[in-house]
């Protein structure tokens, strides 16, 4: 399973590596719980410190602000999905089957990872659905991109684009389609849960089968019609 040393976190996201201390790991764990519970808008370091039974000053030794903490969690998730894709497709030769598995991992990357007990993957998935766009739809995105904060997302998308090109080497938009599949997975779940008139699917309690079917429909129309 994925271990801490496998996580590729860019330098600069944190002032001090939270993975190297008990307090740092507690910050990660409790921030996932609290953001999932109250939402990012209402999340503050003061509330996080109260939840942890710690003091607010100690949190600022690890993260400069809550935006960078959210981005840290999002980067973690990108690494997690990338790992799941590698693990679940390692013995698969058929690129169409690979992409089907990738789509399933995009939609429901909630599989528990017992080797890292301070990250609740199910709650982190909730955060990705509801909050992830706030991590990079910001005025600082160009600066943060130059600092390498989005390398994990780019690597994930490149991995999927490569599979798309295995299916159709002449497909003109592999990166665009890979990104669309990933973002659509999160957006369609969010719409189904909160703005249902913006989608044609329904989701239940952690049941996202219709989202998988939707993404596979697009995959079949875009890539598999003539294969």
C-alpha atoms as a PDB file:
ATOM      1  CA  UNK A   1       0.000   0.000   0.000  1.00  0.00           C
ATOM      2  CA  UNK A   2       0.920   3.652  -0.316  1.00  0.00           C
ATOM      3  CA  UNK A   3       3.343   4.753   2.396  1.00  0.00           C
ATOM      4  CA  UNK A   4       4.363   8.217   3.556  1.00  0.00           C
ATOM      5  CA  UNK A   5       7.643   8.131   1.650  1.00  0.00           C
ATOM      6  CA  UNK A   6       5.685   7.658  -1.601  1.00  0.00           C
ATOM      7  CA  UNK A   7       3.846  10.967  -1.192  1.00  0.00           C
ATOM      8  CA  UNK A   8       5.362  13.664  -3.386  1.00  0.00           C
ATOM      9  CA  UNK A   9       4.659  16.949  -1.601  1.00  0.00           C
ATOM     10  CA  UNK A  10       6.291  20.035  -3.196  1.00  0.00           C
ATOM     11  CA  UNK A  11       8.592  22.143  -1.067  1.00  0.00           C
ATOM     12  CA  UNK A  12       6.990  25.398  -0.009  1.00  0.00           C
ATOM     13  CA  UNK A  13       3.515  24.079   0.681  1.00  0.00           C
ATOM     14  CA  UNK A  14       4.365  23.764   4.353  1.00  0.00           C
ATOM     15  CA  UNK A  15       6.796  25.652   6.568  1.00  0.00           C
ATOM     16  CA  UNK A  16       7.663  22.406   8.336  1.00  0.00           C
ATOM     17  CA  UNK A  17       7.022  18.875   7.101  1.00  0.00           C
ATOM     18  CA  UNK A  18       3.900  17.770   8.997  1.00  0.00           C
ATOM     19  CA  UNK A  19       4.603  14.111   8.230  1.00  0.00           C
ATOM     20  CA  UNK A  20       7.707  14.102  10.414  1.00  0.00           C
ATOM     21  CA  UNK A  21       6.041  14.886  13.748  1.00  0.00           C
ATOM     22  CA  UNK A  22       3.086  13.649  15.771  1.00  0.00           C
ATOM     23  CA  UNK A  23       1.624  17.164  15.890  1.00  0.00           C
ATOM     24  CA  UNK A  24       2.023  17.580  12.142  1.00  0.00           C
ATOM     25  CA  UNK A  25       0.195  14.332  11.426  1.00  0.00           C
ATOM     26  CA  UNK A  26      -2.548  15.383  13.843  1.00  0.00           C
ATOM     27  CA  UNK A  27      -2.915  18.645  11.916  1.00  0.00           C
ATOM     28  CA  UNK A  28      -3.479  16.681   8.710  1.00  0.00           C
ATOM     29  CA  UNK A  29      -5.910  14.268  10.336  1.00  0.00           C
ATOM     30  CA  UNK A  30      -7.993  16.839  12.203  1.00  0.00           C
ATOM     31  CA  UNK A  31      -8.045  19.324   9.326  1.00  0.00           C
ATOM     32  CA  UNK A  32      -9.580  16.638   7.088  1.00  0.00           C
ATOM     33  CA  UNK A  33     -12.211  15.939   9.752  1.00  0.00           C
ATOM     34  CA  UNK A  34     -13.013  19.600  10.321  1.00  0.00           C
ATOM     35  CA  UNK A  35     -13.112  20.742   6.678  1.00  0.00           C
ATOM     36  CA  UNK A  36     -15.372  17.794   5.874  1.00  0.00           C
ATOM     37  CA  UNK A  37     -17.580  18.725   8.821  1.00  0.00           C
ATOM     38  CA  UNK A  38     -17.969  22.514   8.454  1.00  0.00           C
ATOM     39  CA  UNK A  39     -16.614  23.377   4.989  1.00  0.00           C
ATOM     40  CA  UNK A  40     -13.560  25.346   3.965  1.00  0.00           C
ATOM     41  CA  UNK A  41     -15.211  28.773   4.222  1.00  0.00           C
ATOM     42  CA  UNK A  42     -15.883  28.300   7.935  1.00  0.00           C
ATOM     43  CA  UNK A  43     -12.630  26.487   8.631  1.00  0.00           C
ATOM     44  CA  UNK A  44     -10.049  28.469  10.619  1.00  0.00           C
ATOM     45  CA  UNK A  45      -6.829  27.627  12.403  1.00  0.00           C
ATOM     46  CA  UNK A  46      -8.455  28.763  15.630  1.00  0.00           C
ATOM     47  CA  UNK A  47     -11.228  26.172  15.218  1.00  0.00           C
ATOM     48  CA  UNK A  48      -8.675  23.544  14.220  1.00  0.00           C
ATOM     49  CA  UNK A  49      -6.580  24.272  17.315  1.00  0.00           C
ATOM     50  CA  UNK A  50      -9.658  23.977  19.531  1.00  0.00           C
ATOM     51  CA  UNK A  51     -10.565  20.643  17.939  1.00  0.00           C
ATOM     52  CA  UNK A  52      -7.026  19.371  18.494  1.00  0.00           C
ATOM     53  CA  UNK A  53      -6.710  20.721  22.026  1.00  0.00           C
ATOM     54  CA  UNK A  54      -3.654  22.634  20.859  1.00  0.00           C
ATOM     55  CA  UNK A  55      -2.770  26.298  20.414  1.00  0.00           C
ATOM     56  CA  UNK A  56      -3.206  28.248  17.208  1.00  0.00           C
ATOM     57  CA  UNK A  57       0.401  29.465  17.120  1.00  0.00           C
ATOM     58  CA  UNK A  58       1.722  25.915  16.802  1.00  0.00           C
ATOM     59  CA  UNK A  59      -0.325  25.380  13.626  1.00  0.00           C
ATOM     60  CA  UNK A  60       1.260  28.383  11.940  1.00  0.00           C
ATOM     61  CA  UNK A  61       4.657  26.739  12.412  1.00  0.00           C
ATOM     62  CA  UNK A  62       3.539  24.166   9.851  1.00  0.00           C
ATOM     63  CA  UNK A  63       1.306  26.115   7.441  1.00  0.00           C
ATOM     64  CA  UNK A  64       1.379  29.794   6.571  1.00  0.00           C
ATOM     65  CA  UNK A  65      -2.379  29.902   5.957  1.00  0.00           C
ATOM     66  CA  UNK A  66      -5.416  27.702   5.444  1.00  0.00           C
ATOM     67  CA  UNK A  67      -5.191  27.955   1.647  1.00  0.00           C
ATOM     68  CA  UNK A  68      -1.828  26.184   1.627  1.00  0.00           C
ATOM     69  CA  UNK A  69      -3.178  23.587   4.046  1.00  0.00           C
ATOM     70  CA  UNK A  70      -6.086  22.878   1.679  1.00  0.00           C
ATOM     71  CA  UNK A  71      -3.705  22.684  -1.269  1.00  0.00           C
ATOM     72  CA  UNK A  72      -1.553  20.252   0.724  1.00  0.00           C
ATOM     73  CA  UNK A  73      -4.576  17.983   1.193  1.00  0.00           C
ATOM     74  CA  UNK A  74      -5.491  18.239  -2.488  1.00  0.00           C
ATOM     75  CA  UNK A  75      -1.930  17.352  -3.516  1.00  0.00           C
ATOM     76  CA  UNK A  76      -2.113  14.362  -1.177  1.00  0.00           C
ATOM     77  CA  UNK A  77      -5.308  13.241  -2.919  1.00  0.00           C
ATOM     78  CA  UNK A  78      -3.744  13.551  -6.380  1.00  0.00           C
ATOM     79  CA  UNK A  79      -0.927  11.303  -5.168  1.00  0.00           C
ATOM     80  CA  UNK A  80      -3.420   8.848  -3.726  1.00  0.00           C
ATOM     81  CA  UNK A  81      -5.422   8.563  -6.970  1.00  0.00           C
ATOM     82  CA  UNK A  82      -2.212   8.175  -8.961  1.00  0.00           C
ATOM     83  CA  UNK A  83      -1.171   5.338  -6.655  1.00  0.00           C
ATOM     84  CA  UNK A  84      -4.566   3.628  -7.004  1.00  0.00           C
ATOM     85  CA  UNK A  85      -4.312   3.796 -10.790  1.00  0.00           C
ATOM     86  CA  UNK A  86      -0.833   2.258 -10.759  1.00  0.00           C
ATOM     87  CA  UNK A  87      -1.878  -0.454  -8.312  1.00  0.00           C
ATOM     88  CA  UNK A  88      -5.129  -1.389 -10.046  1.00  0.00           C
ATOM     89  CA  UNK A  89      -3.820  -1.356 -13.628  1.00  0.00           C
ATOM     90  CA  UNK A  90      -0.376  -2.916 -13.154  1.00  0.00           C
ATOM     91  CA  UNK A  91      -1.390  -6.250 -14.694  1.00  0.00           C
ATOM     92  CA  UNK A  92      -3.792  -4.822 -17.284  1.00  0.00           C
ATOM     93  CA  UNK A  93      -2.643  -4.688 -20.904  1.00  0.00           C
ATOM     94  CA  UNK A  94      -5.871  -3.573 -22.586  1.00  0.00           C
ATOM     95  CA  UNK A  95      -5.858   0.270 -22.583  1.00  0.00           C
ATOM     96  CA  UNK A  96      -9.666   0.448 -22.760  1.00  0.00           C
ATOM     97  CA  UNK A  97      -9.891  -1.665 -19.609  1.00  0.00           C
ATOM     98  CA  UNK A  98      -7.198   0.540 -18.054  1.00  0.00           C
ATOM     99  CA  UNK A  99      -9.260   3.655 -18.723  1.00  0.00           C
ATOM    100  CA  UNK A 100     -12.364   2.024 -17.268  1.00  0.00           C
ATOM    101  CA  UNK A 101     -10.414   1.333 -14.061  1.00  0.00           C
ATOM    102  CA  UNK A 102      -9.051   4.890 -14.059  1.00  0.00           C
ATOM    103  CA  UNK A 103     -12.599   6.231 -14.318  1.00  0.00           C
ATOM    104  CA  UNK A 104     -13.681   4.072 -11.388  1.00  0.00           C
ATOM    105  CA  UNK A 105     -10.750   5.409  -9.332  1.00  0.00           C
ATOM    106  CA  UNK A 106     -11.590   8.987 -10.305  1.00  0.00           C
ATOM    107  CA  UNK A 107     -15.159   8.584  -9.115  1.00  0.00           C
ATOM    108  CA  UNK A 108     -14.667   6.657  -5.912  1.00  0.00           C
ATOM    109  CA  UNK A 109     -11.141   6.890  -4.520  1.00  0.00           C
ATOM    110  CA  UNK A 110     -12.348   6.101  -0.999  1.00  0.00           C
ATOM    111  CA  UNK A 111     -10.548   2.802  -0.496  1.00  0.00           C
ATOM    112  CA  UNK A 112      -8.991   2.780   2.950  1.00  0.00           C
ATOM    113  CA  UNK A 113      -5.205   2.734   3.172  1.00  0.00           C
ATOM    114  CA  UNK A 114      -4.276   1.024   6.462  1.00  0.00           C
ATOM    115  CA  UNK A 115      -0.604   1.943   6.141  1.00  0.00           C
ATOM    116  CA  UNK A 116      -1.428   5.643   6.702  1.00  0.00           C
ATOM    117  CA  UNK A 117      -3.886   5.733   9.560  1.00  0.00           C
ATOM    118  CA  UNK A 118      -3.987   9.516  10.016  1.00  0.00           C
ATOM    119  CA  UNK A 119      -5.632  10.151   6.618  1.00  0.00           C
ATOM    120  CA  UNK A 120      -9.282   9.264   6.179  1.00  0.00           C
ATOM    121  CA  UNK A 121      -9.534   8.705   2.415  1.00  0.00           C
ATOM    122  CA  UNK A 122     -13.342   8.772   2.438  1.00  0.00           C
ATOM    123  CA  UNK A 123     -13.465  12.205   4.065  1.00  0.00           C
ATOM    124  CA  UNK A 124     -10.637  13.439   1.848  1.00  0.00           C
ATOM    125  CA  UNK A 125     -12.722  12.393  -1.151  1.00  0.00           C
ATOM    126  CA  UNK A 126     -15.609  14.479   0.207  1.00  0.00           C
ATOM    127  CA  UNK A 127     -13.264  17.465   0.414  1.00  0.00           C
ATOM    128  CA  UNK A 128     -12.161  16.957  -3.180  1.00  0.00           C
ATOM    129  CA  UNK A 129     -15.763  16.946  -4.363  1.00  0.00           C
ATOM    130  CA  UNK A 130     -16.776  20.055  -2.430  1.00  0.00           C
ATOM    131  CA  UNK A 131     -13.627  22.104  -1.975  1.00  0.00           C
ATOM    132  CA  UNK A 132     -10.788  21.145  -4.330  1.00  0.00           C
ATOM    133  CA  UNK A 133     -11.340  23.853  -6.953  1.00  0.00           C
ATOM    134  CA  UNK A 134     -10.759  26.468  -4.239  1.00  0.00           C
ATOM    135  CA  UNK A 135      -7.174  25.234  -3.988  1.00  0.00           C
ATOM    136  CA  UNK A 136      -6.221  26.348  -7.504  1.00  0.00           C
ATOM    137  CA  UNK A 137      -8.948  28.683  -8.799  1.00  0.00           C
ATOM    138  CA  UNK A 138      -7.119  31.590  -7.180  1.00  0.00           C
ATOM    139  CA  UNK A 139      -5.238  34.721  -8.170  1.00  0.00           C
ATOM    140  CA  UNK A 140      -1.985  33.080  -7.092  1.00  0.00           C
ATOM    141  CA  UNK A 141      -2.314  30.037  -9.346  1.00  0.00           C
ATOM    142  CA  UNK A 142       0.386  31.172 -11.802  1.00  0.00           C
ATOM    143  CA  UNK A 143       2.884  31.852  -9.040  1.00  0.00           C
ATOM    144  CA  UNK A 144       2.090  28.586  -7.292  1.00  0.00           C
ATOM    145  CA  UNK A 145       2.386  26.752 -10.594  1.00  0.00           C
ATOM    146  CA  UNK A 146       5.910  28.153 -11.061  1.00  0.00           C
ATOM    147  CA  UNK A 147       6.721  26.920  -7.558  1.00  0.00           C
ATOM    148  CA  UNK A 148       5.762  23.398  -8.607  1.00  0.00           C
ATOM    149  CA  UNK A 149       2.674  22.989  -6.443  1.00  0.00           C
ATOM    150  CA  UNK A 150       0.708  21.276  -9.225  1.00  0.00           C
ATOM    151  CA  UNK A 151       3.279  18.733 -10.365  1.00  0.00           C
ATOM    152  CA  UNK A 152       1.288  15.860  -8.886  1.00  0.00           C
ATOM    153  CA  UNK A 153      -1.848  16.868 -10.792  1.00  0.00           C
ATOM    154  CA  UNK A 154       0.103  17.231 -14.031  1.00  0.00           C
ATOM    155  CA  UNK A 155       1.705  13.816 -13.516  1.00  0.00           C
ATOM    156  CA  UNK A 156      -1.705  12.268 -12.850  1.00  0.00           C
ATOM    157  CA  UNK A 157      -3.198  13.800 -15.985  1.00  0.00           C
ATOM    158  CA  UNK A 158      -0.171  12.768 -18.059  1.00  0.00           C
ATOM    159  CA  UNK A 159      -0.639   9.191 -16.841  1.00  0.00           C
ATOM    160  CA  UNK A 160      -4.233   9.198 -18.043  1.00  0.00           C
ATOM    161  CA  UNK A 161      -3.385  10.983 -21.303  1.00  0.00           C
ATOM    162  CA  UNK A 162      -0.860   8.248 -22.081  1.00  0.00           C
ATOM    163  CA  UNK A 163      -3.584   5.610 -21.720  1.00  0.00           C
ATOM    164  CA  UNK A 164      -5.893   7.637 -23.965  1.00  0.00           C
ATOM    165  CA  UNK A 165      -3.177   7.708 -26.615  1.00  0.00           C
ATOM    166  CA  UNK A 166      -2.756   3.945 -26.250  1.00  0.00           C
ATOM    167  CA  UNK A 167      -6.402   3.645 -27.267  1.00  0.00           C
ATOM    168  CA  UNK A 168      -6.143   6.161 -30.101  1.00  0.00           C
ATOM    169  CA  UNK A 169      -2.701   7.461 -30.968  1.00  0.00           C
ATOM    170  CA  UNK A 170      -4.221  10.192 -33.152  1.00  0.00           C
ATOM    171  CA  UNK A 171      -6.670  11.514 -30.559  1.00  0.00           C
ATOM    172  CA  UNK A 172      -6.082  15.299 -30.657  1.00  0.00           C
ATOM    173  CA  UNK A 173      -6.966  16.241 -27.070  1.00  0.00           C
ATOM    174  CA  UNK A 174      -5.593  13.605 -24.660  1.00  0.00           C
ATOM    175  CA  UNK A 175      -4.696  15.977 -21.800  1.00  0.00           C
ATOM    176  CA  UNK A 176      -7.908  17.979 -22.136  1.00  0.00           C
ATOM    177  CA  UNK A 177      -9.996  14.817 -22.072  1.00  0.00           C
ATOM    178  CA  UNK A 178      -8.061  13.376 -19.132  1.00  0.00           C
ATOM    179  CA  UNK A 179      -8.590  16.564 -17.132  1.00  0.00           C
ATOM    180  CA  UNK A 180     -12.264  16.685 -18.120  1.00  0.00           C
ATOM    181  CA  UNK A 181     -12.838  13.147 -16.871  1.00  0.00           C
ATOM    182  CA  UNK A 182     -11.208  13.893 -13.523  1.00  0.00           C
ATOM    183  CA  UNK A 183     -12.979  17.210 -12.973  1.00  0.00           C
ATOM    184  CA  UNK A 184     -16.293  15.847 -14.248  1.00  0.00           C
ATOM    185  CA  UNK A 185     -16.201  13.066 -11.692  1.00  0.00           C
ATOM    186  CA  UNK A 186     -16.060  15.554  -8.823  1.00  0.00           C
ATOM    187  CA  UNK A 187     -18.393  18.137 -10.386  1.00  0.00           C
ATOM    188  CA  UNK A 188     -21.139  15.682 -11.273  1.00  0.00           C
ATOM    189  CA  UNK A 189     -21.189  14.256  -7.752  1.00  0.00           C
ATOM    190  CA  UNK A 190     -21.349  17.784  -6.339  1.00  0.00           C
ATOM    191  CA  UNK A 191     -24.174  18.773  -8.717  1.00  0.00           C
ATOM    192  CA  UNK A 192     -26.144  15.610  -7.985  1.00  0.00           C
ATOM    193  CA  UNK A 193     -25.866  16.244  -4.241  1.00  0.00           C
ATOM    194  CA  UNK A 194     -26.481  19.995  -4.222  1.00  0.00           C
ATOM    195  CA  UNK A 195     -27.603  21.367  -7.635  1.00  0.00           C
ATOM    196  CA  UNK A 196     -29.482  18.457  -9.186  1.00  0.00           C
ATOM    197  CA  UNK A 197     -30.929  20.451 -12.089  1.00  0.00           C
ATOM    198  CA  UNK A 198     -27.394  20.802 -13.448  1.00  0.00           C
ATOM    199  CA  UNK A 199     -26.996  17.067 -14.007  1.00  0.00           C
ATOM    200  CA  UNK A 200     -28.932  14.042 -15.240  1.00  0.00           C
ATOM    201  CA  UNK A 201     -27.610  11.575 -12.695  1.00  0.00           C
ATOM    202  CA  UNK A 202     -28.407  10.672  -9.128  1.00  0.00           C
ATOM    203  CA  UNK A 203     -26.093   9.565  -6.351  1.00  0.00           C
ATOM    204  CA  UNK A 204     -26.871   7.835  -3.096  1.00  0.00           C
ATOM    205  CA  UNK A 205     -24.948   7.531   0.127  1.00  0.00           C
ATOM    206  CA  UNK A 206     -21.433   6.889  -1.217  1.00  0.00           C
ATOM    207  CA  UNK A 207     -23.024   5.231  -4.273  1.00  0.00           C
ATOM    208  CA  UNK A 208     -21.616   6.806  -7.430  1.00  0.00           C
ATOM    209  CA  UNK A 209     -22.382   4.158 -10.032  1.00  0.00           C
ATOM    210  CA  UNK A 210     -24.218   6.553 -12.333  1.00  0.00           C
ATOM    211  CA  UNK A 211     -21.189   8.862 -12.383  1.00  0.00           C
ATOM    212  CA  UNK A 212     -19.030   5.968 -13.565  1.00  0.00           C
ATOM    213  CA  UNK A 213     -21.608   5.192 -16.259  1.00  0.00           C
ATOM    214  CA  UNK A 214     -21.652   8.840 -17.364  1.00  0.00           C
ATOM    215  CA  UNK A 215     -17.876   9.044 -17.714  1.00  0.00           C
ATOM    216  CA  UNK A 216     -17.748   5.722 -19.515  1.00  0.00           C
ATOM    217  CA  UNK A 217     -20.411   6.998 -21.906  1.00  0.00           C
ATOM    218  CA  UNK A 218     -18.173   9.935 -22.811  1.00  0.00           C
ATOM    219  CA  UNK A 219     -15.179   7.605 -23.064  1.00  0.00           C
ATOM    220  CA  UNK A 220     -17.035   5.319 -25.456  1.00  0.00           C
ATOM    221  CA  UNK A 221     -18.281   8.196 -27.603  1.00  0.00           C
ATOM    222  CA  UNK A 222     -14.891   9.929 -27.779  1.00  0.00           C
ATOM    223  CA  UNK A 223     -12.510   7.000 -28.024  1.00  0.00           C
ATOM    224  CA  UNK A 224     -14.105   3.643 -28.576  1.00  0.00           C
ATOM    225  CA  UNK A 225     -16.645   4.173 -31.359  1.00  0.00           C
ATOM    226  CA  UNK A 226     -14.236   3.037 -34.055  1.00  0.00           C
ATOM    227  CA  UNK A 227     -11.881   0.759 -32.106  1.00  0.00           C
END
